[in-house]
Amino acid sequence: MPKDKVAAQHNLMTITLTDEELYLLEAFATEQEIDDLEQAIPAMIHELVKLHDQLWDAQFAESTAPLDKKAFEAHEADKAGLTEDFDT
């Protein structure tokens, strides 16, 4: 069964940049070897999303320590007979 192809929809947007924002966009375009600033904006958005996802993943990985500690404490309490079975 062939997969349905979905055409990308393009949207036109007009933006106003400060001199500093334009400088940053130009620097990003240069770094990414993008000649057209209009192409740099979507590339920058994709890069920001990728960085955001990496940050979220790192924060989530760090957040497991407190959960691991609670799980260990619960297991120890269960082994010591300090817990009750929910089914009883």
PDB file of N, CA and C in Angstrom:
ATOM      1  N   MET A   1       0.850  -1.173   0.000  1.00  0.00           N
ATOM      2  CA  MET A   1       0.000   0.000   0.000  1.00  0.00           C
ATOM      3  C   MET A   1       0.900   1.242   0.000  1.00  0.00           C
ATOM      4  N   PRO A   2       0.776   2.119  -0.992  1.00  0.00           N
ATOM      5  CA  PRO A   2       1.648   3.309  -1.052  1.00  0.00           C
ATOM      6  C   PRO A   2       1.288   4.314   0.042  1.00  0.00           C
ATOM      7  N   LYS A   3       2.324   4.978   0.523  1.00  0.00           N
ATOM      8  CA  LYS A   3       2.118   6.018   1.539  1.00  0.00           C
ATOM      9  C   LYS A   3       1.636   7.297   0.865  1.00  0.00           C
ATOM     10  N   ASP A   4       0.725   7.988   1.546  1.00  0.00           N
ATOM     11  CA  ASP A   4       0.269   9.279   1.044  1.00  0.00           C
ATOM     12  C   ASP A   4       1.366  10.305   1.246  1.00  0.00           C
ATOM     13  N   LYS A   5       1.629  11.095   0.255  1.00  0.00           N
ATOM     14  CA  LYS A   5       2.619  12.155   0.373  1.00  0.00           C
ATOM     15  C   LYS A   5       1.900  13.447   0.734  1.00  0.00           C
ATOM     16  N   VAL A   6       2.456  14.148   1.682  1.00  0.00           N
ATOM     17  CA  VAL A   6       1.886  15.416   2.117  1.00  0.00           C
ATOM     18  C   VAL A   6       2.805  16.532   1.647  1.00  0.00           C
ATOM     19  N   ALA A   7       2.254  17.449   0.895  1.00  0.00           N
ATOM     20  CA  ALA A   7       3.041  18.575   0.409  1.00  0.00           C
ATOM     21  C   ALA A   7       3.271  19.565   1.542  1.00  0.00           C
ATOM     22  N   ALA A   8       4.460  20.100   1.588  1.00  0.00           N
ATOM     23  CA  ALA A   8       4.768  21.116   2.595  1.00  0.00           C
ATOM     24  C   ALA A   8       4.047  22.403   2.228  1.00  0.00           C
ATOM     25  N   GLN A   9       3.466  23.006   3.216  1.00  0.00           N
ATOM     26  CA  GLN A   9       2.799  24.279   2.998  1.00  0.00           C
ATOM     27  C   GLN A   9       3.757  25.390   3.401  1.00  0.00           C
ATOM     28  N   HIS A  10       3.937  26.359   2.557  1.00  0.00           N
ATOM     29  CA  HIS A  10       4.841  27.465   2.840  1.00  0.00           C
ATOM     30  C   HIS A  10       4.027  28.680   3.263  1.00  0.00           C
ATOM     31  N   ASN A  11       4.502  29.344   4.273  1.00  0.00           N
ATOM     32  CA  ASN A  11       3.826  30.524   4.797  1.00  0.00           C
ATOM     33  C   ASN A  11       4.763  31.710   4.701  1.00  0.00           C
ATOM     34  N   LEU A  12       4.220  32.822   4.288  1.00  0.00           N
ATOM     35  CA  LEU A  12       4.998  34.044   4.151  1.00  0.00           C
ATOM     36  C   LEU A  12       4.877  34.852   5.429  1.00  0.00           C
ATOM     37  N   MET A  13       6.006  35.399   5.872  1.00  0.00           N
ATOM     38  CA  MET A  13       6.017  36.163   7.108  1.00  0.00           C
ATOM     39  C   MET A  13       6.920  37.379   6.933  1.00  0.00           C
ATOM     40  N   THR A  14       6.494  38.490   7.454  1.00  0.00           N
ATOM     41  CA  THR A  14       7.313  39.695   7.462  1.00  0.00           C
ATOM     42  C   THR A  14       7.774  39.922   8.893  1.00  0.00           C
ATOM     43  N   ILE A  15       9.084  40.146   9.068  1.00  0.00           N
ATOM     44  CA  ILE A  15       9.605  40.357  10.416  1.00  0.00           C
ATOM     45  C   ILE A  15      10.391  41.662  10.473  1.00  0.00           C
ATOM     46  N   THR A  16      10.472  42.207  11.654  1.00  0.00           N
ATOM     47  CA  THR A  16      11.275  43.400  11.896  1.00  0.00           C
ATOM     48  C   THR A  16      12.361  43.019  12.882  1.00  0.00           C
ATOM     49  N   LEU A  17      13.611  43.259  12.507  1.00  0.00           N
ATOM     50  CA  LEU A  17      14.742  42.915  13.354  1.00  0.00           C
ATOM     51  C   LEU A  17      15.480  44.170  13.803  1.00  0.00           C
ATOM     52  N   THR A  18      15.955  44.135  15.020  1.00  0.00           N
ATOM     53  CA  THR A  18      16.847  45.204  15.467  1.00  0.00           C
ATOM     54  C   THR A  18      18.200  44.986  14.788  1.00  0.00           C
ATOM     55  N   ASP A  19      19.072  45.969  14.877  1.00  0.00           N
ATOM     56  CA  ASP A  19      20.409  45.819  14.306  1.00  0.00           C
ATOM     57  C   ASP A  19      21.132  44.619  14.935  1.00  0.00           C
ATOM     58  N   GLU A  20      20.991  44.459  16.232  1.00  0.00           N
ATOM     59  CA  GLU A  20      21.643  43.347  16.921  1.00  0.00           C
ATOM     60  C   GLU A  20      21.084  42.009  16.449  1.00  0.00           C
ATOM     61  N   GLU A  21      19.761  41.921  16.309  1.00  0.00           N
ATOM     62  CA  GLU A  21      19.145  40.676  15.845  1.00  0.00           C
ATOM     63  C   GLU A  21      19.575  40.346  14.420  1.00  0.00           C
ATOM     64  N   LEU A  22      19.674  41.366  13.573  1.00  0.00           N
ATOM     65  CA  LEU A  22      20.136  41.152  12.201  1.00  0.00           C
ATOM     66  C   LEU A  22      21.586  40.660  12.203  1.00  0.00           C
ATOM     67  N   TYR A  23      22.405  41.257  13.049  1.00  0.00           N
ATOM     68  CA  TYR A  23      23.799  40.832  13.164  1.00  0.00           C
ATOM     69  C   TYR A  23      23.880  39.362  13.593  1.00  0.00           C
ATOM     70  N   LEU A  24      23.065  38.984  14.588  1.00  0.00           N
ATOM     71  CA  LEU A  24      23.058  37.604  15.059  1.00  0.00           C
ATOM     72  C   LEU A  24      22.572  36.640  13.980  1.00  0.00           C
ATOM     73  N   LEU A  25      21.556  37.051  13.227  1.00  0.00           N
ATOM     74  CA  LEU A  25      21.051  36.218  12.144  1.00  0.00           C
ATOM     75  C   LEU A  25      22.104  36.052  11.055  1.00  0.00           C
ATOM     76  N   GLU A  26      22.787  37.136  10.729  1.00  0.00           N
ATOM     77  CA  GLU A  26      23.853  37.067   9.721  1.00  0.00           C
ATOM     78  C   GLU A  26      24.994  36.157  10.209  1.00  0.00           C
ATOM     79  N   ALA A  27      25.334  36.261  11.484  1.00  0.00           N
ATOM     80  CA  ALA A  27      26.390  35.414  12.037  1.00  0.00           C
ATOM     81  C   ALA A  27      25.982  33.944  11.995  1.00  0.00           C
ATOM     82  N   PHE A  28      24.740  33.678  12.330  1.00  0.00           N
ATOM     83  CA  PHE A  28      24.235  32.302  12.267  1.00  0.00           C
ATOM     84  C   PHE A  28      24.282  31.785  10.830  1.00  0.00           C
ATOM     85  N   ALA A  29      23.830  32.609   9.884  1.00  0.00           N
ATOM     86  CA  ALA A  29      23.833  32.209   8.474  1.00  0.00           C
ATOM     87  C   ALA A  29      25.250  31.913   7.996  1.00  0.00           C
ATOM     88  N   THR A  30      26.185  32.747   8.386  1.00  0.00           N
ATOM     89  CA  THR A  30      27.581  32.531   8.005  1.00  0.00           C
ATOM     90  C   THR A  30      28.104  31.223   8.596  1.00  0.00           C
ATOM     91  N   GLU A  31      27.814  31.015   9.870  1.00  0.00           N
ATOM     92  CA  GLU A  31      28.259  29.799  10.559  1.00  0.00           C
ATOM     93  C   GLU A  31      27.687  28.539   9.900  1.00  0.00           C
ATOM     94  N   GLN A  32      26.444  28.630   9.458  1.00  0.00           N
ATOM     95  CA  GLN A  32      25.775  27.482   8.844  1.00  0.00           C
ATOM     96  C   GLN A  32      25.986  27.417   7.327  1.00  0.00           C
ATOM     97  N   GLU A  33      26.766  28.356   6.814  1.00  0.00           N
ATOM     98  CA  GLU A  33      27.035  28.458   5.374  1.00  0.00           C
ATOM     99  C   GLU A  33      25.744  28.607   4.559  1.00  0.00           C
ATOM    100  N   ILE A  34      24.886  29.492   5.041  1.00  0.00           N
ATOM    101  CA  ILE A  34      23.623  29.808   4.376  1.00  0.00           C
ATOM    102  C   ILE A  34      23.770  31.183   3.748  1.00  0.00           C
ATOM    103  N   ASP A  35      23.553  31.268   2.427  1.00  0.00           N
ATOM    104  CA  ASP A  35      23.737  32.531   1.707  1.00  0.00           C
ATOM    105  C   ASP A  35      22.522  33.454   1.814  1.00  0.00           C
ATOM    106  N   ASP A  36      21.341  32.905   1.879  1.00  0.00           N
ATOM    107  CA  ASP A  36      20.105  33.681   1.875  1.00  0.00           C
ATOM    108  C   ASP A  36      19.558  33.793   3.302  1.00  0.00           C
ATOM    109  N   LEU A  37      19.434  35.009   3.808  1.00  0.00           N
ATOM    110  CA  LEU A  37      18.950  35.200   5.178  1.00  0.00           C
ATOM    111  C   LEU A  37      17.542  34.641   5.378  1.00  0.00           C
ATOM    112  N   GLU A  38      16.745  34.644   4.317  1.00  0.00           N
ATOM    113  CA  GLU A  38      15.400  34.078   4.442  1.00  0.00           C
ATOM    114  C   GLU A  38      15.463  32.584   4.753  1.00  0.00           C
ATOM    115  N   GLN A  39      16.472  31.903   4.258  1.00  0.00           N
ATOM    116  CA  GLN A  39      16.639  30.483   4.547  1.00  0.00           C
ATOM    117  C   GLN A  39      17.250  30.272   5.930  1.00  0.00           C
ATOM    118  N   ALA A  40      17.925  31.283   6.431  1.00  0.00           N
ATOM    119  CA  ALA A  40      18.566  31.170   7.746  1.00  0.00           C
ATOM    120  C   ALA A  40      17.531  31.150   8.865  1.00  0.00           C
ATOM    121  N   ILE A  41      16.417  31.826   8.690  1.00  0.00           N
ATOM    122  CA  ILE A  41      15.417  31.906   9.753  1.00  0.00           C
ATOM    123  C   ILE A  41      14.820  30.531  10.063  1.00  0.00           C
ATOM    124  N   PRO A  42      14.315  29.775   9.064  1.00  0.00           N
ATOM    125  CA  PRO A  42      13.820  28.431   9.402  1.00  0.00           C
ATOM    126  C   PRO A  42      14.923  27.523   9.954  1.00  0.00           C
ATOM    127  N   ALA A  43      16.140  27.658   9.422  1.00  0.00           N
ATOM    128  CA  ALA A  43      17.250  26.852   9.926  1.00  0.00           C
ATOM    129  C   ALA A  43      17.518  27.177  11.392  1.00  0.00           C
ATOM    130  N   MET A  44      17.426  28.453  11.742  1.00  0.00           N
ATOM    131  CA  MET A  44      17.646  28.863  13.124  1.00  0.00           C
ATOM    132  C   MET A  44      16.541  28.305  14.023  1.00  0.00           C
ATOM    133  N   ILE A  45      15.321  28.330  13.552  1.00  0.00           N
ATOM    134  CA  ILE A  45      14.207  27.781  14.337  1.00  0.00           C
ATOM    135  C   ILE A  45      14.434  26.294  14.591  1.00  0.00           C
ATOM    136  N   HIS A  46      14.823  25.561  13.552  1.00  0.00           N
ATOM    137  CA  HIS A  46      15.084  24.126  13.710  1.00  0.00           C
ATOM    138  C   HIS A  46      16.234  23.885  14.693  1.00  0.00           C
ATOM    139  N   GLU A  47      17.271  24.708  14.618  1.00  0.00           N
ATOM    140  CA  GLU A  47      18.406  24.580  15.532  1.00  0.00           C
ATOM    141  C   GLU A  47      17.974  24.852  16.969  1.00  0.00           C
ATOM    142  N   LEU A  48      17.140  25.862  17.160  1.00  0.00           N
ATOM    143  CA  LEU A  48      16.652  26.178  18.508  1.00  0.00           C
ATOM    144  C   LEU A  48      15.809  25.044  19.073  1.00  0.00           C
ATOM    145  N   VAL A  49      14.971  24.448  18.245  1.00  0.00           N
ATOM    146  CA  VAL A  49      14.148  23.318  18.695  1.00  0.00           C
ATOM    147  C   VAL A  49      15.050  22.148  19.074  1.00  0.00           C
ATOM    148  N   LYS A  50      16.077  21.882  18.252  1.00  0.00           N
ATOM    149  CA  LYS A  50      17.007  20.794  18.540  1.00  0.00           C
ATOM    150  C   LYS A  50      17.728  21.045  19.869  1.00  0.00           C
ATOM    151  N   LEU A  51      18.192  22.269  20.083  1.00  0.00           N
ATOM    152  CA  LEU A  51      18.872  22.606  21.334  1.00  0.00           C
ATOM    153  C   LEU A  51      17.930  22.501  22.532  1.00  0.00           C
ATOM    154  N   HIS A  52      16.695  22.936  22.348  1.00  0.00           N
ATOM    155  CA  HIS A  52      15.689  22.844  23.411  1.00  0.00           C
ATOM    156  C   HIS A  52      15.453  21.383  23.779  1.00  0.00           C
ATOM    157  N   ASP A  53      15.336  20.520  22.777  1.00  0.00           N
ATOM    158  CA  ASP A  53      15.122  19.096  23.027  1.00  0.00           C
ATOM    159  C   ASP A  53      16.314  18.489  23.766  1.00  0.00           C
ATOM    160  N   GLN A  54      17.529  18.881  23.388  1.00  0.00           N
ATOM    161  CA  GLN A  54      18.729  18.377  24.066  1.00  0.00           C
ATOM    162  C   GLN A  54      18.764  18.834  25.524  1.00  0.00           C
ATOM    163  N   LEU A  55      18.387  20.082  25.763  1.00  0.00           N
ATOM    164  CA  LEU A  55      18.349  20.600  27.127  1.00  0.00           C
ATOM    165  C   LEU A  55      17.312  19.851  27.954  1.00  0.00           C
ATOM    166  N   TRP A  56      16.135  19.624  27.378  1.00  0.00           N
ATOM    167  CA  TRP A  56      15.083  18.900  28.082  1.00  0.00           C
ATOM    168  C   TRP A  56      15.558  17.492  28.413  1.00  0.00           C
ATOM    169  N   ASP A  57      16.193  16.819  27.446  1.00  0.00           N
ATOM    170  CA  ASP A  57      16.698  15.467  27.682  1.00  0.00           C
ATOM    171  C   ASP A  57      17.718  15.456  28.818  1.00  0.00           C
ATOM    172  N   ALA A  58      18.613  16.444  28.844  1.00  0.00           N
ATOM    173  CA  ALA A  58      19.621  16.523  29.899  1.00  0.00           C
ATOM    174  C   ALA A  58      18.973  16.767  31.256  1.00  0.00           C
ATOM    175  N   GLN A  59      18.004  17.664  31.297  1.00  0.00           N
ATOM    176  CA  GLN A  59      17.323  17.946  32.558  1.00  0.00           C
ATOM    177  C   GLN A  59      16.541  16.725  33.040  1.00  0.00           C
ATOM    178  N   PHE A  60      15.915  16.009  32.116  1.00  0.00           N
ATOM    179  CA  PHE A  60      15.166  14.813  32.489  1.00  0.00           C
ATOM    180  C   PHE A  60      16.112  13.741  33.028  1.00  0.00           C
ATOM    181  N   ALA A  61      17.262  13.581  32.385  1.00  0.00           N
ATOM    182  CA  ALA A  61      18.237  12.589  32.838  1.00  0.00           C
ATOM    183  C   ALA A  61      18.709  12.910  34.256  1.00  0.00           C
ATOM    184  N   GLU A  62      18.898  14.200  34.552  1.00  0.00           N
ATOM    185  CA  GLU A  62      19.329  14.606  35.885  1.00  0.00           C
ATOM    186  C   GLU A  62      18.230  14.421  36.924  1.00  0.00           C
ATOM    187  N   SER A  63      16.974  14.445  36.503  1.00  0.00           N
ATOM    188  CA  SER A  63      15.861  14.388  37.451  1.00  0.00           C
ATOM    189  C   SER A  63      15.592  12.971  37.940  1.00  0.00           C
ATOM    190  N   THR A  64      16.256  11.977  37.381  1.00  0.00           N
ATOM    191  CA  THR A  64      15.994  10.615  37.813  1.00  0.00           C
ATOM    192  C   THR A  64      16.629  10.288  39.161  1.00  0.00           C
ATOM    193  N   ALA A  65      17.637  11.030  39.582  1.00  0.00           N
ATOM    194  CA  ALA A  65      18.301  10.746  40.858  1.00  0.00           C
ATOM    195  C   ALA A  65      17.328  10.773  42.042  1.00  0.00           C
ATOM    196  N   PRO A  66      16.499  11.799  42.206  1.00  0.00           N
ATOM    197  CA  PRO A  66      15.551  11.778  43.332  1.00  0.00           C
ATOM    198  C   PRO A  66      14.556  10.615  43.234  1.00  0.00           C
ATOM    199  N   LEU A  67      14.139  10.281  42.011  1.00  0.00           N
ATOM    200  CA  LEU A  67      13.221   9.155  41.849  1.00  0.00           C
ATOM    201  C   LEU A  67      13.910   7.837  42.196  1.00  0.00           C
ATOM    202  N   ASP A  68      15.159   7.701  41.773  1.00  0.00           N
ATOM    203  CA  ASP A  68      15.919   6.495  42.108  1.00  0.00           C
ATOM    204  C   ASP A  68      16.059   6.344  43.622  1.00  0.00           C
ATOM    205  N   LYS A  69      16.312   7.469  44.317  1.00  0.00           N
ATOM    206  CA  LYS A  69      16.455   7.437  45.765  1.00  0.00           C
ATOM    207  C   LYS A  69      15.154   6.983  46.427  1.00  0.00           C
ATOM    208  N   LYS A  70      14.022   7.543  45.970  1.00  0.00           N
ATOM    209  CA  LYS A  70      12.720   7.164  46.537  1.00  0.00           C
ATOM    210  C   LYS A  70      12.413   5.692  46.265  1.00  0.00           C
ATOM    211  N   ALA A  71      12.744   5.224  45.059  1.00  0.00           N
ATOM    212  CA  ALA A  71      12.515   3.818  44.722  1.00  0.00           C
ATOM    213  C   ALA A  71      13.345   2.914  45.624  1.00  0.00           C
ATOM    214  N   PHE A  72      14.607   3.282  45.868  1.00  0.00           N
ATOM    215  CA  PHE A  72      15.466   2.506  46.753  1.00  0.00           C
ATOM    216  C   PHE A  72      14.894   2.482  48.173  1.00  0.00           C
ATOM    217  N   GLU A  73      14.452   3.650  48.655  1.00  0.00           N
ATOM    218  CA  GLU A  73      13.878   3.732  50.001  1.00  0.00           C
ATOM    219  C   GLU A  73      12.618   2.875  50.104  1.00  0.00           C
ATOM    220  N   ALA A  74      11.781   2.902  49.086  1.00  0.00           N
ATOM    221  CA  ALA A  74      10.560   2.105  49.093  1.00  0.00           C
ATOM    222  C   ALA A  74      10.892   0.617  49.078  1.00  0.00           C
ATOM    223  N   HIS A  75      11.875   0.236  48.296  1.00  0.00           N
ATOM    224  CA  HIS A  75      12.278  -1.168  48.236  1.00  0.00           C
ATOM    225  C   HIS A  75      12.817  -1.633  49.592  1.00  0.00           C
ATOM    226  N   GLU A  76      13.645  -0.795  50.212  1.00  0.00           N
ATOM    227  CA  GLU A  76      14.192  -1.133  51.531  1.00  0.00           C
ATOM    228  C   GLU A  76      13.080  -1.245  52.571  1.00  0.00           C
ATOM    229  N   ALA A  77      12.105  -0.335  52.523  1.00  0.00           N
ATOM    230  CA  ALA A  77      10.983  -0.386  53.462  1.00  0.00           C
ATOM    231  C   ALA A  77      10.172  -1.660  53.247  1.00  0.00           C
ATOM    232  N   ASP A  78      10.006  -2.052  51.992  1.00  0.00           N
ATOM    233  CA  ASP A  78       9.262  -3.273  51.691  1.00  0.00           C
ATOM    234  C   ASP A  78      10.019  -4.493  52.206  1.00  0.00           C
ATOM    235  N   LYS A  79      11.329  -4.541  51.982  1.00  0.00           N
ATOM    236  CA  LYS A  79      12.136  -5.664  52.474  1.00  0.00           C
ATOM    237  C   LYS A  79      12.096  -5.749  53.998  1.00  0.00           C
ATOM    238  N   ALA A  80      11.999  -4.593  54.660  1.00  0.00           N
ATOM    239  CA  ALA A  80      11.966  -4.562  56.123  1.00  0.00           C
ATOM    240  C   ALA A  80      10.573  -4.850  56.673  1.00  0.00           C
ATOM    241  N   GLY A  81       9.592  -5.073  55.784  1.00  0.00           N
ATOM    242  CA  GLY A  81       8.238  -5.376  56.229  1.00  0.00           C
ATOM    243  C   GLY A  81       7.463  -4.169  56.714  1.00  0.00           C
ATOM    244  N   LEU A  82       7.861  -2.993  56.283  1.00  0.00           N
ATOM    245  CA  LEU A  82       7.209  -1.756  56.725  1.00  0.00           C
ATOM    246  C   LEU A  82       6.115  -1.268  55.781  1.00  0.00           C
ATOM    247  N   THR A  83       5.783  -2.071  54.794  1.00  0.00           N
ATOM    248  CA  THR A  83       4.757  -1.663  53.822  1.00  0.00           C
ATOM    249  C   THR A  83       3.573  -2.610  53.879  1.00  0.00           C
ATOM    250  N   GLU A  84       2.450  -2.189  53.330  1.00  0.00           N
ATOM    251  CA  GLU A  84       1.248  -3.017  53.263  1.00  0.00           C
ATOM    252  C   GLU A  84       0.927  -3.307  51.815  1.00  0.00           C
ATOM    253  N   ASP A  85       0.370  -4.481  51.581  1.00  0.00           N
ATOM    254  CA  ASP A  85      -0.042  -4.874  50.247  1.00  0.00           C
ATOM    255  C   ASP A  85      -1.357  -4.182  49.906  1.00  0.00           C
ATOM    256  N   PHE A  86      -1.475  -3.612  48.725  1.00  0.00           N
ATOM    257  CA  PHE A  86      -2.708  -2.926  48.328  1.00  0.00           C
ATOM    258  C   PHE A  86      -3.881  -3.886  48.175  1.00  0.00           C
ATOM    259  N   ASP A  87      -3.606  -5.131  47.896  1.00  0.00           N
ATOM    260  CA  ASP A  87      -4.671  -6.096  47.631  1.00  0.00           C
ATOM    261  C   ASP A  87      -5.336  -6.613  48.892  1.00  0.00           C
ATOM    262  N   THR A  88      -4.812  -6.283  50.075  1.00  0.00           N
ATOM    263  CA  THR A  88      -5.395  -6.826  51.289  1.00  0.00           C
ATOM    264  C   THR A  88      -6.248  -5.825  51.996  1.00  0.00           C
TER     265      THR A  88
END
